[in-house]
Amino acid sequence: MVIKIYVFDKSDGRCLYEDTGNPEYVIADLGDDKDFTLTPPPDNSKQWRWVDGEWI
């Protein structure tokens, strides 16, 4: 199984990057200062932030 996750900074919600691969490995690679969502940002028009379960 392969998944795509969208990684964001826990402190400010800033979208950092996307990662694709085996769930065990892509999630295990996250540091304590990062979290992820399966929901992609709407577009690349601005620096998105993940706040309260949505990109703003």
C-alpha atoms as a PDB file:
ATOM      1  CA  MET A   1       0.000   0.000   0.000  1.00  0.00           C
ATOM      2  CA  VAL A   2       1.218   3.496  -0.862  1.00  0.00           C
ATOM      3  CA  ILE A   3      -0.138   6.730   0.626  1.00  0.00           C
ATOM      4  CA  LYS A   4       0.502  10.425   0.091  1.00  0.00           C
ATOM      5  CA  ILE A   5       0.721  12.627   3.177  1.00  0.00           C
ATOM      6  CA  TYR A   6       0.990  16.396   3.498  1.00  0.00           C
ATOM      7  CA  VAL A   7       3.416  17.369   6.231  1.00  0.00           C
ATOM      8  CA  PHE A   8       3.036  20.531   8.282  1.00  0.00           C
ATOM      9  CA  ASP A   9       4.877  22.196  11.153  1.00  0.00           C
ATOM     10  CA  LYS A  10       3.119  21.588  14.494  1.00  0.00           C
ATOM     11  CA  SER A  11       3.980  25.010  15.896  1.00  0.00           C
ATOM     12  CA  ASP A  12       2.466  27.186  13.172  1.00  0.00           C
ATOM     13  CA  GLY A  13       0.646  24.798  10.801  1.00  0.00           C
ATOM     14  CA  ARG A  14       2.817  25.818   7.844  1.00  0.00           C
ATOM     15  CA  CYS A  15       2.718  23.296   4.974  1.00  0.00           C
ATOM     16  CA  LEU A  16       6.249  21.935   4.535  1.00  0.00           C
ATOM     17  CA  TYR A  17       6.126  19.179   1.900  1.00  0.00           C
ATOM     18  CA  GLU A  18       4.293  16.107   0.633  1.00  0.00           C
ATOM     19  CA  ASP A  19       5.610  12.570   0.948  1.00  0.00           C
ATOM     20  CA  THR A  20       4.543   9.377  -0.804  1.00  0.00           C
ATOM     21  CA  GLY A  21       5.314   5.825   0.211  1.00  0.00           C
ATOM     22  CA  ASN A  22       4.650   2.991   2.605  1.00  0.00           C
ATOM     23  CA  PRO A  23       2.603   4.348   5.548  1.00  0.00           C
ATOM     24  CA  GLU A  24       4.933   2.833   8.150  1.00  0.00           C
ATOM     25  CA  TYR A  25       7.964   4.614   6.721  1.00  0.00           C
ATOM     26  CA  VAL A  26       6.590   8.015   5.719  1.00  0.00           C
ATOM     27  CA  ILE A  27       4.912   8.468   9.103  1.00  0.00           C
ATOM     28  CA  ALA A  28       7.920   7.125  11.032  1.00  0.00           C
ATOM     29  CA  ASP A  29      10.159   9.688   9.277  1.00  0.00           C
ATOM     30  CA  LEU A  30       8.251  12.617  10.808  1.00  0.00           C
ATOM     31  CA  GLY A  31      10.039  14.422  13.602  1.00  0.00           C
ATOM     32  CA  ASP A  32       8.394  15.473  16.852  1.00  0.00           C
ATOM     33  CA  ASP A  33       7.926  18.967  15.431  1.00  0.00           C
ATOM     34  CA  LYS A  34       5.877  17.803  12.413  1.00  0.00           C
ATOM     35  CA  ASP A  35       2.444  16.300  11.826  1.00  0.00           C
ATOM     36  CA  PHE A  36       0.537  15.281   8.704  1.00  0.00           C
ATOM     37  CA  THR A  37      -2.834  15.182   6.992  1.00  0.00           C
ATOM     38  CA  LEU A  38      -4.158  13.207   4.028  1.00  0.00           C
ATOM     39  CA  THR A  39      -5.976  16.312   2.748  1.00  0.00           C
ATOM     40  CA  PRO A  40      -3.987  18.210   0.100  1.00  0.00           C
ATOM     41  CA  PRO A  41      -3.713  22.007   0.142  1.00  0.00           C
ATOM     42  CA  PRO A  42      -6.114  23.606  -2.379  1.00  0.00           C
ATOM     43  CA  ASP A  43      -3.348  24.890  -4.682  1.00  0.00           C
ATOM     44  CA  ASN A  44       0.125  26.423  -4.732  1.00  0.00           C
ATOM     45  CA  SER A  45      -1.039  30.034  -4.880  1.00  0.00           C
ATOM     46  CA  LYS A  46       0.078  30.833  -1.324  1.00  0.00           C
ATOM     47  CA  GLN A  47       1.732  29.404   1.797  1.00  0.00           C
ATOM     48  CA  TRP A  48      -1.072  27.325   3.317  1.00  0.00           C
ATOM     49  CA  ARG A  49      -1.430  26.568   7.027  1.00  0.00           C
ATOM     50  CA  TRP A  50      -3.273  23.622   8.619  1.00  0.00           C
ATOM     51  CA  VAL A  51      -5.522  25.059  11.357  1.00  0.00           C
ATOM     52  CA  ASP A  52      -8.386  23.261  13.128  1.00  0.00           C
ATOM     53  CA  GLY A  53      -8.610  20.506  10.522  1.00  0.00           C
ATOM     54  CA  GLU A  54      -8.505  22.646   7.374  1.00  0.00           C
ATOM     55  CA  TRP A  55      -6.095  24.539   5.135  1.00  0.00           C
ATOM     56  CA  ILE A  56      -6.345  28.311   5.511  1.00  0.00           C
END
